[in-house]
C-alpha atoms as a PDB file:
ATOM      1  CA  MET A   1      -0.249 -22.968 -32.791  1.00  0.00           C
ATOM      2  CA  TYR A   2       2.677 -21.046 -31.931  1.00  0.00           C
ATOM      3  CA  LYS A   3       0.583 -18.127 -30.935  1.00  0.00           C
ATOM      4  CA  ILE A   4      -1.476 -19.872 -28.366  1.00  0.00           C
ATOM      5  CA  LEU A   5       1.755 -21.376 -26.706  1.00  0.00           C
ATOM      6  CA  PHE A   6       2.963 -17.644 -26.894  1.00  0.00           C
ATOM      7  CA  PHE A   7       0.092 -16.188 -25.353  1.00  0.00           C
ATOM      8  CA  SER A   8      -0.216 -19.173 -22.644  1.00  0.00           C
ATOM      9  CA  PHE A   9       3.273 -18.662 -21.620  1.00  0.00           C
ATOM     10  CA  PHE A  10       3.022 -14.963 -21.379  1.00  0.00           C
ATOM     11  CA  PHE A  11       0.022 -14.869 -19.381  1.00  0.00           C
ATOM     12  CA  SER A  12       1.154 -17.599 -17.086  1.00  0.00           C
ATOM     13  CA  SER A  13       4.413 -15.775 -16.290  1.00  0.00           C
ATOM     14  CA  LEU A  14       2.594 -12.379 -15.327  1.00  0.00           C
ATOM     15  CA  SER A  15       1.903 -11.866 -11.544  1.00  0.00           C
ATOM     16  CA  PHE A  16      -1.055  -9.984 -10.170  1.00  0.00           C
ATOM     17  CA  GLY A  17      -1.455  -8.874  -6.418  1.00  0.00           C
ATOM     18  CA  GLY A  18      -4.328  -7.996  -4.521  1.00  0.00           C
ATOM     19  CA  THR A  19      -6.114  -4.825  -4.078  1.00  0.00           C
ATOM     20  CA  ILE A  20      -7.982  -3.703  -1.131  1.00  0.00           C
ATOM     21  CA  GLN A  21     -10.019  -0.457  -0.180  1.00  0.00           C
ATOM     22  CA  CYS A  22      -9.722   0.229   3.682  1.00  0.00           C
ATOM     23  CA  GLY A  23     -11.188   3.346   5.408  1.00  0.00           C
ATOM     24  CA  GLY A  24     -11.386   4.998   8.692  1.00  0.00           C
ATOM     25  CA  THR A  25      -8.844   7.209  10.728  1.00  0.00           C
ATOM     26  CA  VAL A  26      -5.431   6.934  10.853  1.00  0.00           C
ATOM     27  CA  GLU A  27      -4.699   5.252  14.329  1.00  0.00           C
ATOM     28  CA  LYS A  28      -0.976   4.669  13.896  1.00  0.00           C
ATOM     29  CA  ILE A  29       1.736   6.411  11.666  1.00  0.00           C
ATOM     30  CA  GLY A  30       5.358   5.645  12.180  1.00  0.00           C
ATOM     31  CA  LEU A  31       8.790   5.504  10.925  1.00  0.00           C
ATOM     32  CA  HIS A  32      11.070   2.413  11.130  1.00  0.00           C
ATOM     33  CA  ALA A  33      14.459   1.512  10.199  1.00  0.00           C
ATOM     34  CA  ASN A  34      15.806   2.270   6.508  1.00  0.00           C
ATOM     35  CA  ASN A  35      13.352   5.242   6.447  1.00  0.00           C
ATOM     36  CA  ARG A  36      10.210   3.337   5.750  1.00  0.00           C
ATOM     37  CA  ILE A  37       6.806   4.591   6.816  1.00  0.00           C
ATOM     38  CA  LEU A  38       4.243   2.490   8.628  1.00  0.00           C
ATOM     39  CA  LEU A  39       0.391   3.184   8.339  1.00  0.00           C
ATOM     40  CA  LYS A  40      -2.456   1.738  10.560  1.00  0.00           C
ATOM     41  CA  LEU A  41      -6.083   2.543   9.862  1.00  0.00           C
ATOM     42  CA  SER A  42      -8.858   2.068  12.453  1.00  0.00           C
ATOM     43  CA  SER A  43     -10.099  -0.723   9.898  1.00  0.00           C
ATOM     44  CA  MET A  44      -6.809  -2.357   9.637  1.00  0.00           C
ATOM     45  CA  ASN A  45      -5.793  -5.005  12.384  1.00  0.00           C
ATOM     46  CA  THR A  46      -2.041  -4.158  12.100  1.00  0.00           C
ATOM     47  CA  LYS A  47       0.413  -1.668  10.852  1.00  0.00           C
ATOM     48  CA  VAL A  48       2.029  -2.082   7.278  1.00  0.00           C
ATOM     49  CA  PHE A  49       4.784  -0.485   5.308  1.00  0.00           C
ATOM     50  CA  ILE A  50       3.590   1.943   2.967  1.00  0.00           C
ATOM     51  CA  CYS A  51       6.622   3.766   1.327  1.00  0.00           C
ATOM     52  CA  THR A  52      10.212   5.069   1.917  1.00  0.00           C
ATOM     53  CA  ILE A  53      11.317   8.664   2.409  1.00  0.00           C
ATOM     54  CA  ASP A  54      14.792   8.208   0.559  1.00  0.00           C
ATOM     55  CA  ALA A  55      14.103   6.071  -2.447  1.00  0.00           C
ATOM     56  CA  GLU A  56      11.364   5.125  -4.916  1.00  0.00           C
ATOM     57  CA  TRP A  57       8.920   2.598  -3.279  1.00  0.00           C
ATOM     58  CA  THR A  58       7.921  -0.954  -5.187  1.00  0.00           C
ATOM     59  CA  VAL A  59       6.167  -3.744  -4.152  1.00  0.00           C
ATOM     60  CA  SER A  60       5.658  -7.095  -5.785  1.00  0.00           C
ATOM     61  CA  GLY A  61       2.295  -7.670  -7.324  1.00  0.00           C
ATOM     62  CA  THR A  62       1.744  -4.179  -8.711  1.00  0.00           C
ATOM     63  CA  SER A  63       3.363  -1.711 -11.270  1.00  0.00           C
ATOM     64  CA  TYR A  64       2.399   1.089  -9.243  1.00  0.00           C
ATOM     65  CA  LYS A  65       5.414   3.060  -7.552  1.00  0.00           C
ATOM     66  CA  THR A  66       5.769   5.819  -4.923  1.00  0.00           C
ATOM     67  CA  SER A  67       8.721   8.459  -5.466  1.00  0.00           C
ATOM     68  CA  ALA A  68      10.316   9.575  -2.363  1.00  0.00           C
ATOM     69  CA  GLU A  69       8.724  13.014  -2.821  1.00  0.00           C
ATOM     70  CA  THR A  70       5.278  11.400  -2.713  1.00  0.00           C
ATOM     71  CA  CYS A  71       6.173   9.525   0.203  1.00  0.00           C
ATOM     72  CA  LYS A  72       7.228  12.697   2.292  1.00  0.00           C
ATOM     73  CA  ALA A  73       3.871  14.575   0.906  1.00  0.00           C
ATOM     74  CA  MET A  74       1.598  11.192   1.844  1.00  0.00           C
ATOM     75  CA  LEU A  75       3.322  11.401   5.346  1.00  0.00           C
ATOM     76  CA  SER A  76       2.308  14.847   5.844  1.00  0.00           C
ATOM     77  CA  MET A  77      -1.093  14.274   4.842  1.00  0.00           C
ATOM     78  CA  LEU A  78      -1.368  11.169   7.187  1.00  0.00           C
ATOM     79  CA  MET A  79       0.066  13.082  10.117  1.00  0.00           C
ATOM     80  CA  HIS A  80      -2.522  15.923   9.459  1.00  0.00           C
ATOM     81  CA  ALA A  81      -5.290  13.603   9.262  1.00  0.00           C
ATOM     82  CA  LYS A  82      -4.353  11.563  12.412  1.00  0.00           C
ATOM     83  CA  ALA A  83      -4.052  14.995  14.134  1.00  0.00           C
ATOM     84  CA  THR A  84      -7.503  16.290  13.067  1.00  0.00           C
ATOM     85  CA  LYS A  85      -8.965  12.820  13.308  1.00  0.00           C
ATOM     86  CA  ALA A  86     -10.246  12.894   9.828  1.00  0.00           C
ATOM     87  CA  ASP A  87     -11.906  10.052   8.029  1.00  0.00           C
ATOM     88  CA  MET A  88      -9.805   9.019   5.588  1.00  0.00           C
ATOM     89  CA  GLY A  89     -12.591   7.677   3.318  1.00  0.00           C
ATOM     90  CA  ALA A  90     -11.369   5.015   0.853  1.00  0.00           C
ATOM     91  CA  VAL A  91      -7.439   4.264   0.865  1.00  0.00           C
ATOM     92  CA  TRP A  92      -6.575   1.700  -2.085  1.00  0.00           C
ATOM     93  CA  PHE A  93      -3.596  -0.783  -1.339  1.00  0.00           C
ATOM     94  CA  ASP A  94      -1.967  -2.786  -3.926  1.00  0.00           C
ATOM     95  CA  GLY A  95       0.402  -5.752  -3.903  1.00  0.00           C
ATOM     96  CA  ASP A  96       1.080  -9.219  -3.064  1.00  0.00           C
ATOM     97  CA  ASP A  97       0.730  -8.757   0.609  1.00  0.00           C
ATOM     98  CA  VAL A  98      -2.610  -7.333   0.163  1.00  0.00           C
ATOM     99  CA  PRO A  99      -5.381  -9.720   2.234  1.00  0.00           C
ATOM    100  CA  GLU A 100      -8.827 -10.208   1.426  1.00  0.00           C
ATOM    101  CA  SER A 101     -10.147  -8.095   4.191  1.00  0.00           C
ATOM    102  CA  CYS A 102      -8.792  -5.001   5.887  1.00  0.00           C
ATOM    103  CA  ASN A 103      -8.647  -6.950   9.283  1.00  0.00           C
ATOM    104  CA  GLY A 104      -6.340  -9.747   7.560  1.00  0.00           C
ATOM    105  CA  TRP A 105      -3.047  -8.082   7.350  1.00  0.00           C
ATOM    106  CA  LEU A 106      -0.030  -9.829   8.412  1.00  0.00           C
ATOM    107  CA  GLU A 107       2.740  -8.169  10.792  1.00  0.00           C
ATOM    108  CA  TRP A 108       5.408  -6.322   8.863  1.00  0.00           C
ATOM    109  CA  LYS A 109       4.060  -6.575   5.361  1.00  0.00           C
ATOM    110  CA  THR A 110       4.383  -3.960   2.619  1.00  0.00           C
ATOM    111  CA  THR A 111       1.872  -2.578   0.080  1.00  0.00           C
ATOM    112  CA  ASN A 112       1.671   0.225  -2.216  1.00  0.00           C
ATOM    113  CA  VAL A 113      -0.971   3.054  -1.520  1.00  0.00           C
ATOM    114  CA  ARG A 114      -2.351   3.758  -4.892  1.00  0.00           C
ATOM    115  CA  HIS A 115      -5.064   6.474  -4.084  1.00  0.00           C
ATOM    116  CA  PHE A 116      -6.794   8.237  -0.988  1.00  0.00           C
ATOM    117  CA  MET A 117      -8.555  11.313  -0.753  1.00  0.00           C
ATOM    118  CA  TYR A 118     -10.024  12.961   2.448  1.00  0.00           C
END
């Protein structure tokens, strides 16, 4: 009985955010106050915060983290992708602010980029 109560409490207290895969080209890449990077792909309706260049980036709803060094490398890759109009393939986004579709993002939301390869 106690095991059932423990596991019920444990799993009810966990928070799982959303995950979505978006693609296309890099339409916008920007820097905002507090050194945060914004990204908008062609399949997305608005820009979102994806990391910060001076601290570890964490968002609620995922255990994935992005270091400042990884953020800088990602910024460089995204700038190259924008300049060459490269197709980004699949970009995986995680976190509580992730919508059900790529064109459902709300303004000024945060996400973690888990994976991309182009």
